[in-house]
N, C-alpha and C. Protein backbone atom coordinates (compact mmCIF):
# COMPACT_ATOMS: atom_id res chain seq x y z
N UNK A 1 7.72 -15.28 -32.75
CA UNK A 1 8.39 -14.04 -32.69
C UNK A 1 7.71 -12.79 -31.99
N UNK A 2 5.93 -13.59 -31.82
CA UNK A 2 5.39 -12.33 -30.98
C UNK A 2 5.21 -13.23 -30.08
N UNK A 3 5.13 -14.25 -29.56
CA UNK A 3 5.31 -15.00 -27.93
C UNK A 3 6.32 -14.16 -27.36
N UNK A 4 7.72 -13.90 -27.94
CA UNK A 4 8.53 -13.41 -27.66
C UNK A 4 8.67 -11.83 -27.04
N UNK A 5 7.92 -10.97 -28.20
CA UNK A 5 7.88 -9.55 -27.99
C UNK A 5 6.68 -9.39 -26.76
N UNK A 6 5.36 -10.39 -26.78
CA UNK A 6 4.51 -10.60 -25.25
C UNK A 6 5.24 -10.65 -24.14
N UNK A 7 6.35 -11.48 -24.11
CA UNK A 7 6.63 -12.45 -23.06
C UNK A 7 7.82 -10.80 -22.56
N UNK A 8 8.71 -10.86 -23.41
CA UNK A 8 9.30 -9.16 -23.40
C UNK A 8 8.55 -7.87 -22.52
N UNK A 9 7.45 -7.51 -23.27
CA UNK A 9 6.51 -6.30 -22.80
C UNK A 9 5.90 -6.95 -20.95
N UNK A 10 5.62 -8.17 -21.56
CA UNK A 10 4.95 -8.33 -19.86
C UNK A 10 6.17 -8.54 -18.76
N UNK A 11 7.15 -8.43 -18.97
CA UNK A 11 8.80 -8.48 -18.35
C UNK A 11 9.22 -7.30 -17.98
N UNK A 12 8.97 -6.13 -18.74
CA UNK A 12 9.06 -4.98 -18.64
C UNK A 12 7.93 -4.18 -17.67
N UNK A 13 6.65 -4.52 -17.69
CA UNK A 13 5.55 -4.03 -17.25
C UNK A 13 5.91 -4.36 -15.52
N UNK A 14 6.42 -5.49 -15.03
CA UNK A 14 6.62 -6.55 -14.14
C UNK A 14 7.68 -5.31 -13.54
N UNK A 15 9.30 -5.42 -14.54
CA UNK A 15 9.98 -4.90 -13.81
C UNK A 15 9.78 -3.26 -13.43
N UNK A 16 8.96 -2.60 -13.94
CA UNK A 16 9.00 -1.33 -13.53
C UNK A 16 7.84 -1.16 -12.69
N UNK A 17 6.56 -2.00 -12.65
CA UNK A 17 6.23 -2.17 -11.33
C UNK A 17 6.32 -2.91 -9.93
N UNK A 18 7.68 -3.24 -9.87
CA UNK A 18 8.43 -3.82 -8.67
C UNK A 18 9.29 -2.87 -8.75
N UNK A 19 9.70 -2.26 -9.52
CA UNK A 19 10.53 -0.90 -9.14
C UNK A 19 9.97 0.18 -8.46
N UNK A 20 9.08 0.51 -9.18
CA UNK A 20 8.21 1.51 -8.06
C UNK A 20 7.83 0.94 -7.06
N UNK A 21 7.27 0.11 -6.96
CA UNK A 21 7.01 -0.84 -5.13
C UNK A 21 8.27 -0.74 -4.39
N UNK A 22 9.37 -1.55 -4.63
CA UNK A 22 10.32 -0.88 -3.85
C UNK A 22 11.13 0.15 -3.71
N UNK A 23 10.64 1.35 -4.77
CA UNK A 23 11.09 2.65 -4.27
C UNK A 23 10.04 3.52 -3.51
N UNK A 24 8.96 2.98 -3.55
CA UNK A 24 7.96 3.94 -2.44
C UNK A 24 8.36 3.00 -0.88
N UNK A 25 8.43 1.86 -0.98
CA UNK A 25 9.18 0.77 0.29
C UNK A 25 10.20 1.16 1.25
N UNK A 26 11.11 1.54 0.15
CA UNK A 26 12.86 1.72 -0.02
C UNK A 26 12.52 3.23 1.14
N UNK A 27 11.57 4.29 0.52
CA UNK A 27 11.45 5.58 1.08
C UNK A 27 10.89 5.51 2.40
N UNK A 28 9.76 4.76 2.57
CA UNK A 28 9.14 4.52 3.79
C UNK A 28 9.95 3.95 4.51
N UNK A 29 11.24 2.94 4.29
CA UNK A 29 11.55 2.40 5.00
C UNK A 29 13.06 3.57 5.82
N UNK A 30 13.52 3.98 4.95
CA UNK A 30 14.02 5.53 5.11
C UNK A 30 13.92 6.29 6.11
N UNK A 31 12.53 6.83 5.90
CA UNK A 31 11.92 8.10 6.38
C UNK A 31 11.70 7.93 7.72
N UNK A 32 10.86 6.19 8.23
CA UNK A 32 11.32 5.70 9.22
C UNK A 32 12.54 5.47 9.95
N UNK A 33 13.44 5.66 9.87
CA UNK A 33 15.08 5.48 10.13
C UNK A 33 15.60 6.78 10.62
N UNK A 34 15.47 7.55 9.69
CA UNK A 34 15.85 9.05 10.21
C UNK A 34 14.62 10.05 11.11
N UNK A 35 15.49 11.01 11.94
CA UNK A 35 14.53 11.65 12.42
C UNK A 35 13.51 11.35 13.96
N UNK A 36 12.13 11.93 14.00
CA UNK A 36 11.62 11.39 14.91
C UNK A 36 10.63 10.14 14.90
N UNK A 37 10.21 9.68 15.51
CA UNK A 37 9.49 8.43 15.54
C UNK A 37 8.27 8.67 15.04
N UNK A 38 7.85 7.99 14.14
CA UNK A 38 6.77 8.13 13.19
C UNK A 38 5.73 8.48 13.66
N UNK A 39 4.90 9.33 13.12
CA UNK A 39 3.40 9.66 13.69
C UNK A 39 2.34 8.85 13.20
N UNK A 40 1.16 8.64 13.75
CA UNK A 40 0.16 7.45 13.46
C UNK A 40 -1.01 7.82 12.51
N UNK A 41 -1.99 7.31 12.61
CA UNK A 41 -3.04 7.57 11.93
C UNK A 41 -4.04 9.31 12.98
N UNK A 42 -3.53 9.08 13.80
CA UNK A 42 -4.57 10.16 15.11
C UNK A 42 -3.65 11.29 14.75
N UNK A 43 -2.96 11.54 13.86
CA UNK A 43 -2.10 12.89 13.79
C UNK A 43 -3.20 13.41 12.44
N UNK A 44 -3.26 12.83 11.94
CA UNK A 44 -4.36 13.20 10.99
C UNK A 44 -6.07 13.86 11.71
N UNK A 45 -6.49 14.68 11.00
CA UNK A 45 -7.71 15.14 11.25
C UNK A 45 -8.61 14.12 11.00
N UNK A 46 -8.62 13.56 10.12
CA UNK A 46 -9.66 12.52 9.82
C UNK A 46 -9.13 11.00 10.15
N UNK A 47 -7.82 11.18 10.27
CA UNK A 47 -7.55 9.75 11.16
C UNK A 47 -7.96 8.34 10.06
N UNK A 48 -7.26 8.62 8.45
CA UNK A 48 -7.53 8.04 7.33
C UNK A 48 -6.81 8.55 6.17
N UNK A 49 -6.34 7.57 5.69
CA UNK A 49 -5.59 7.81 4.58
C UNK A 49 -5.26 6.18 3.82
N UNK A 50 -4.02 5.79 3.16
CA UNK A 50 -4.05 5.06 1.88
C UNK A 50 -2.93 4.50 1.97
N UNK A 51 -2.26 3.49 2.21
CA UNK A 51 -1.32 2.24 2.25
C UNK A 51 -0.90 1.08 1.11
N UNK A 52 0.13 1.52 0.55
CA UNK A 52 0.01 0.60 -0.85
C UNK A 52 0.83 -1.00 0.16
N UNK A 53 0.00 -2.21 -0.14
CA UNK A 53 0.21 -3.09 0.55
C UNK A 53 1.22 -4.01 -0.34
N UNK A 54 1.60 -4.01 -1.60
CA UNK A 54 2.08 -4.75 -2.41
C UNK A 54 1.80 -4.78 -4.03
N UNK A 55 2.33 -5.66 -4.78
CA UNK A 55 2.03 -5.57 -5.89
C UNK A 55 1.48 -6.96 -6.11
N UNK A 56 0.82 -7.25 -6.64
CA UNK A 56 -0.14 -8.62 -6.90
C UNK A 56 -0.63 -9.56 -8.29
N UNK A 57 0.12 -10.41 -8.87
CA UNK A 57 0.11 -11.15 -10.03
C UNK A 57 -1.36 -11.78 -10.02
N UNK A 58 -2.21 -11.34 -10.51
CA UNK A 58 -3.65 -11.85 -11.06
C UNK A 58 -3.69 -12.89 -11.59
N UNK A 59 -2.41 -13.18 -12.36
CA UNK A 59 -3.10 -14.82 -13.28
C UNK A 59 -1.98 -15.74 -12.12
N UNK A 60 -1.03 -15.73 -11.50
CA UNK A 60 -0.73 -16.47 -10.84
C UNK A 60 -1.23 -16.57 -9.26
N UNK A 61 -2.52 -15.56 -9.21
CA UNK A 61 -2.99 -15.82 -7.88
C UNK A 61 -2.18 -15.50 -6.77
N UNK A 62 -0.67 -14.67 -6.67
CA UNK A 62 -0.09 -14.65 -5.80
C UNK A 62 0.76 -13.24 -5.41
N UNK A 63 1.05 -12.70 -4.15
CA UNK A 63 1.82 -11.35 -4.06
C UNK A 63 3.29 -11.75 -4.96
N UNK A 64 3.43 -10.22 -5.45
CA UNK A 64 4.67 -10.49 -6.29
C UNK A 64 5.88 -9.56 -6.19
N UNK A 65 5.61 -9.08 -4.37
CA UNK A 65 6.91 -8.64 -4.01
C UNK A 65 5.89 -9.10 -2.48
N UNK A 66 7.48 -8.67 -1.65
CA UNK A 66 6.84 -9.17 0.00
C UNK A 66 6.16 -8.29 0.69
N UNK A 67 5.38 -8.96 1.52
CA UNK A 67 3.89 -8.44 2.32
C UNK A 67 4.42 -8.05 3.62
N UNK A 68 4.13 -6.86 3.84
CA UNK A 68 4.71 -6.35 5.47
C UNK A 68 3.13 -6.22 5.86
N UNK A 69 2.90 -6.66 6.20
CA UNK A 69 1.09 -6.93 6.87
C UNK A 69 0.99 -8.27 7.43
N UNK A 70 0.05 -8.37 8.33
CA UNK A 70 -0.34 -9.76 8.18
C UNK A 70 -1.91 -9.62 8.48
N UNK A 71 -3.04 -10.13 8.18
CA UNK A 71 -4.07 -10.08 8.44
C UNK A 71 -4.11 -10.86 9.86
N UNK A 72 -4.98 -10.18 10.69
CA UNK A 72 -5.32 -10.63 11.50
C UNK A 72 -6.59 -11.51 11.79
N UNK A 73 -7.55 -11.60 11.07
CA UNK A 73 -8.83 -11.66 11.18
C UNK A 73 -8.78 -12.62 10.04
N UNK A 74 -8.10 -13.21 9.56
CA UNK A 74 -7.83 -14.18 8.08
C UNK A 74 -9.40 -14.85 7.99
N UNK A 75 -9.78 -15.09 6.75
CA UNK A 75 -10.75 -16.06 6.14
C UNK A 75 -9.68 -17.10 6.01
N UNK A 76 -10.62 -17.76 5.33
CA UNK A 76 -10.11 -19.74 4.92
C UNK A 76 -9.51 -19.17 3.57
N UNK A 77 -8.21 -18.32 3.56
CA UNK A 77 -7.60 -18.68 2.04
C UNK A 77 -5.86 -18.66 2.47
N UNK A 78 -5.38 -19.39 1.87
CA UNK A 78 -4.03 -19.33 1.72
C UNK A 78 -3.18 -17.90 1.86
N UNK A 79 -2.41 -17.62 2.63
CA UNK A 79 -1.64 -16.56 3.23
C UNK A 79 -1.44 -16.03 1.75
N UNK A 80 -0.45 -16.85 0.81
CA UNK A 80 0.02 -15.77 -0.08
C UNK A 80 -0.84 -15.62 -0.99
N UNK A 81 -1.81 -15.83 -0.94
CA UNK A 81 -3.00 -15.34 -1.66
C UNK A 81 -4.03 -14.48 -1.44
N UNK A 82 -3.79 -14.14 -0.22
CA UNK A 82 -4.88 -13.72 0.22
C UNK A 82 -4.69 -12.15 0.12
N UNK A 83 -5.82 -11.40 -0.53
CA UNK A 83 -5.65 -9.76 -0.67
C UNK A 83 -6.85 -9.41 0.42
N UNK A 84 -6.30 -8.48 1.15
CA UNK A 84 -7.54 -7.91 2.10
C UNK A 84 -8.55 -7.36 1.44
N UNK A 85 -9.57 -7.35 2.10
CA UNK A 85 -10.89 -6.93 2.08
C UNK A 85 -11.39 -5.85 3.55
N UNK A 86 -12.67 -5.15 2.73
CA UNK A 86 -12.87 -4.13 3.53
C UNK A 86 -13.15 -4.86 5.05
N UNK A 87 -13.03 -4.15 6.20
CA UNK A 87 -13.42 -4.49 7.58
C UNK A 87 -12.22 -5.54 8.11
N UNK A 88 -11.42 -6.07 7.42
CA UNK A 88 -10.11 -6.85 7.81
C UNK A 88 -9.03 -5.88 8.83
N UNK A 89 -9.02 -6.55 9.45
CA UNK A 89 -7.64 -6.01 11.02
C UNK A 89 -6.11 -6.42 10.43
N UNK A 90 -5.65 -5.69 10.14
CA UNK A 90 -4.25 -5.91 9.74
C UNK A 90 -3.45 -5.64 11.01
N UNK A 91 -2.11 -6.22 10.81
CA UNK A 91 -0.96 -5.62 11.68
C UNK A 91 -0.02 -5.19 10.87
N UNK A 92 0.98 -4.55 10.54
CA UNK A 92 1.50 -3.68 10.17
C UNK A 92 3.15 -4.56 10.69
N UNK A 93 3.74 -4.94 9.67
CA UNK A 93 5.05 -5.53 10.40
C UNK A 93 6.50 -4.84 9.56
N UNK A 94 6.44 -3.91 9.18
CA UNK A 94 7.22 -2.89 8.71
C UNK A 94 6.81 -1.36 8.47
N UNK A 95 7.73 -0.67 8.49
CA UNK A 95 7.06 0.73 8.02
C UNK A 95 6.03 0.81 6.91
N UNK A 96 5.20 2.08 7.22
CA UNK A 96 4.21 1.87 5.60
C UNK A 96 3.87 3.41 5.65
N UNK A 97 4.26 3.98 4.92
CA UNK A 97 4.10 5.45 4.63
C UNK A 97 2.53 5.91 4.15
N UNK A 98 1.84 6.68 4.85
CA UNK A 98 0.24 6.96 4.46
C UNK A 98 0.25 7.76 3.77
N UNK A 99 -0.46 7.80 2.39
CA UNK A 99 -0.96 8.70 1.00
C UNK A 99 -2.12 9.36 1.60
N UNK A 100 -2.31 10.34 1.01
CA UNK A 100 -3.89 11.25 0.78
C UNK A 100 -3.20 12.06 -0.71
N UNK A 101 -4.07 11.86 -1.65
CA UNK A 101 -3.81 12.21 -2.82
C UNK A 101 -3.91 14.00 -2.80
N UNK A 102 -2.52 14.23 -3.56
CA UNK A 102 -2.51 15.77 -3.32
C UNK A 102 -2.33 16.48 -2.23
N UNK A 103 -1.41 15.78 -1.09
CA UNK A 103 -1.67 16.10 0.18
C UNK A 103 -1.10 17.35 0.47
N UNK A 104 -0.06 17.61 -0.31
CA UNK A 104 0.69 18.77 -0.14
C UNK A 104 -0.03 19.86 -0.45
N UNK A 105 -0.72 20.34 -1.10
CA UNK A 105 -1.57 21.62 -1.12
C UNK A 105 -2.72 21.21 -0.80
N UNK A 106 -3.47 20.08 -0.43
CA UNK A 106 -4.90 20.03 -0.18
C UNK A 106 -5.06 19.53 1.01
N UNK A 107 -3.97 19.28 1.48
CA UNK A 107 -4.23 18.75 3.16
C UNK A 107 -5.21 17.18 2.78
N UNK A 108 -6.68 17.24 3.48
CA UNK A 108 -6.93 15.96 3.81
C UNK A 108 -8.23 15.77 2.87
N UNK A 109 -7.84 17.33 1.78
CA UNK A 109 -9.36 17.08 1.26
C UNK A 109 -9.54 15.78 0.34
N UNK A 110 -8.78 15.55 -0.32
CA UNK A 110 -9.03 14.24 -0.91
C UNK A 110 -8.74 12.56 -0.60
N UNK A 111 -8.91 12.42 1.21
CA UNK A 111 -8.40 11.48 1.48
C UNK A 111 -9.09 10.33 0.82
N UNK A 112 -10.51 10.51 0.51
CA UNK A 112 -11.36 9.06 -0.01
C UNK A 112 -10.70 8.77 -1.53
N UNK A 113 -10.13 9.79 -1.82
CA UNK A 113 -9.49 9.57 -3.39
C UNK A 113 -8.54 8.52 -3.22
N UNK A 114 -8.42 7.31 -4.31
CA UNK A 114 -7.49 6.70 -4.16
C UNK A 114 -5.84 6.81 -4.95
N UNK A 115 -4.78 7.13 -4.36
CA UNK A 115 -3.63 6.82 -5.15
C UNK A 115 -3.02 6.21 -6.12
N UNK A 116 -4.21 4.78 -6.54
CA UNK A 116 -3.54 4.14 -7.38
C UNK A 116 -3.52 4.99 -9.17
N UNK A 117 -2.36 4.33 -9.65
CA UNK A 117 -1.73 4.82 -10.62
C UNK A 117 -1.39 6.30 -10.85
N UNK A 118 -1.19 6.72 -9.82
CA UNK A 118 -0.76 7.92 -9.87
C UNK A 118 1.01 7.66 -9.63
N UNK A 119 1.90 8.76 -10.35
CA UNK A 119 3.28 8.79 -10.41
C UNK A 119 3.89 9.66 -9.11
N UNK A 120 3.26 10.60 -8.87
CA UNK A 120 4.04 11.61 -8.00
C UNK A 120 3.79 11.16 -6.75
N UNK A 121 4.30 10.28 -5.89
CA UNK A 121 3.71 9.60 -4.53
C UNK A 121 4.18 11.20 -3.15
N UNK A 122 5.81 11.67 -3.70
CA UNK A 122 5.97 13.03 -3.11
C UNK A 122 5.12 13.72 -2.69
N UNK A 123 3.97 14.36 -3.70
CA UNK A 123 2.57 15.44 -2.98
C UNK A 123 1.83 14.47 -2.64
N UNK A 124 1.76 13.53 -2.27
CA UNK A 124 1.01 12.63 -1.54
C UNK A 124 0.95 12.26 0.00
N UNK A 125 2.47 12.36 0.09
CA UNK A 125 2.77 11.84 1.29
C UNK A 125 2.63 12.80 2.58
N UNK A 126 1.78 12.28 3.44
CA UNK A 126 1.29 12.74 4.60
C UNK A 126 2.29 13.19 5.91
N UNK A 127 3.27 12.82 5.82
CA UNK A 127 4.29 12.46 7.01
C UNK A 127 3.89 11.78 8.14
N UNK A 128 2.84 10.76 7.56
CA UNK A 128 2.67 9.93 8.89
C UNK A 128 2.67 8.28 8.20
N UNK A 129 3.51 7.85 8.88
CA UNK A 129 4.31 6.33 8.31
C UNK A 129 4.05 5.22 9.89
N UNK A 130 3.06 4.51 9.16
CA UNK A 130 2.81 3.08 10.30
C UNK A 130 4.02 2.90 10.80
N UNK A 131 4.40 2.45 11.74
CA UNK A 131 5.24 1.75 12.38
C UNK A 131 4.85 0.16 12.40
N UNK A 132 5.95 -0.89 12.60
CA UNK A 132 5.48 -2.30 12.48
C UNK A 132 4.82 -2.37 13.92
N UNK A 133 3.95 -3.57 14.32
CA UNK A 133 3.00 -3.52 15.52
C UNK A 133 2.11 -2.91 15.27
N UNK A 134 1.39 -1.80 14.76
CA UNK A 134 0.21 -1.09 14.30
C UNK A 134 -0.82 -1.67 14.12
N UNK A 135 -1.91 -1.67 14.26
CA UNK A 135 -3.24 -2.66 13.60
C UNK A 135 -4.08 -1.01 13.08
N UNK A 136 -4.57 -1.56 12.33
CA UNK A 136 -5.42 -1.05 11.54
C UNK A 136 -6.56 -1.65 10.75
N UNK A 137 -7.97 -0.90 10.21
CA UNK A 137 -8.86 -1.47 9.92
C UNK A 137 -8.61 -0.69 8.58
N UNK A 138 -9.11 -2.06 7.40
CA UNK A 138 -8.95 -2.03 6.04
C UNK A 138 -10.57 -1.30 6.07
N UNK A 139 -10.69 -0.02 5.18
CA UNK A 139 -11.98 0.58 4.70
C UNK A 139 -11.89 0.31 3.46
N UNK A 140 -11.18 0.51 2.87
CA UNK A 140 -11.38 0.74 1.05
C UNK A 140 -10.07 -0.60 0.51
N UNK A 141 -10.19 -1.33 -0.42
CA UNK A 141 -8.89 -1.51 -1.01
C UNK A 141 -9.33 -1.25 -3.26
N UNK A 142 -7.66 -1.08 -3.19
CA UNK A 142 -8.20 -0.44 -4.86
C UNK A 142 -7.26 -1.20 -5.48
N UNK A 143 -6.88 -1.75 -6.43
CA UNK A 143 -5.76 -2.60 -7.43
C UNK A 143 -6.01 -1.48 -8.57
N UNK A 144 -4.44 -1.11 -9.11
CA UNK A 144 -4.20 -0.54 -9.89
C UNK A 144 -4.56 -0.96 -11.47
N UNK A 145 -4.44 -0.37 -12.17
CA UNK A 145 -5.01 -0.73 -13.58
C UNK A 145 -3.68 -1.22 -14.14
N UNK A 146 -2.84 -1.94 -14.32
CA UNK A 146 -1.61 -1.79 -15.18
C UNK A 146 -1.58 -3.03 -16.15
N UNK A 147 -1.02 -2.75 -16.97
CA UNK A 147 -0.51 -3.45 -18.05
C UNK A 147 0.05 -4.82 -17.41
N UNK A 148 -0.29 -5.85 -17.98
CA UNK A 148 -0.15 -7.29 -17.94
C UNK A 148 -0.85 -7.96 -16.42
N UNK A 149 -0.08 -8.59 -15.87
CA UNK A 149 -0.97 -9.28 -14.98
C UNK A 149 -0.88 -8.35 -13.45
N UNK A 150 0.60 -7.71 -12.91
CA UNK A 150 0.71 -7.06 -11.96
C UNK A 150 -0.57 -5.85 -11.59
N UNK A 151 -1.18 -6.25 -10.17
CA UNK A 151 -1.45 -4.96 -9.77
C UNK A 151 -0.82 -4.47 -8.25
N UNK A 152 -0.88 -2.96 -8.33
CA UNK A 152 -0.33 -2.47 -7.03
C UNK A 152 -1.84 -2.36 -6.63
N UNK A 153 -1.67 -2.75 -4.54
CA UNK A 153 -2.89 -3.18 -4.45
C UNK A 153 -2.63 -1.79 -3.34
N UNK A 154 -3.62 -1.36 -2.98
CA UNK A 154 -3.60 0.13 -1.94
C UNK A 154 -4.96 -0.35 -1.15
N UNK A 155 -4.63 0.20 0.16
CA UNK A 155 -5.81 0.32 0.82
C UNK A 155 -5.97 1.18 1.79
N UNK A 156 -7.42 1.61 1.99
CA UNK A 156 -7.73 2.89 2.52
C UNK A 156 -7.59 1.98 4.35
N UNK A 157 -6.99 2.88 5.02
CA UNK A 157 -7.26 2.25 6.28
C UNK A 157 -7.40 3.17 7.59
N UNK A 158 -7.85 3.02 8.43
CA UNK A 158 -8.41 3.96 9.70
C UNK A 158 -7.84 2.52 10.95
N UNK A 159 -8.00 3.79 12.09
CA UNK A 159 -7.17 3.07 13.42
C UNK A 159 -8.26 1.91 13.65
N UNK A 160 -8.11 0.74 14.30
CA UNK A 160 -8.58 0.04 15.23
C UNK A 160 -8.96 0.59 16.24
N UNK A 161 -10.48 0.51 16.62
CA UNK A 161 -10.93 1.10 18.26
C UNK A 161 -9.86 1.12 19.16
N UNK A 162 -9.40 1.97 19.91
CA UNK A 162 -8.61 1.56 20.80
C UNK A 162 -7.04 1.71 20.71
N UNK A 163 -6.69 1.71 19.28
CA UNK A 163 -5.35 1.34 19.08
C UNK A 163 -4.81 2.41 19.04
N UNK A 164 -3.96 3.14 19.75
CA UNK A 164 -3.36 3.94 19.74
C UNK A 164 -2.11 4.43 18.50
N UNK A 165 -1.60 3.53 18.14
CA UNK A 165 -0.56 3.01 17.33
C UNK A 165 -1.04 3.92 15.69
């Protein structure tokens, strides 16, 4: 019986994590389809913000969600287990919303603080969406501490020198 309860709890955590991930990515896709072309990081004063890379299962060592980026300077690791690190260059393959903690009230004051673990992402949305084929440099990576084995992976990114996207 205990095994069933743990399995049920783990399943619930996975479902909730994936729901939040799909919700955030779905909002990104919707915002990218409506209105003007997405604004890039250059529209922010400090040209940095946070993007949700996906959900990573630490016990299985694989992404638990679709991955919408390619690592351009990949080290010697399989693509499905590769979690970007500081200094990596990513090419975005789908729209990614850029978040800054409490952007709605404080603008870029909290740009270095990770939104991992927060639930009110509407307050964090900057109005900036990275479009497919944009390249960004990873400045920092933070994994949310969730129950179970799923972790949401956030990266603080900045423009690659010379990249206008």
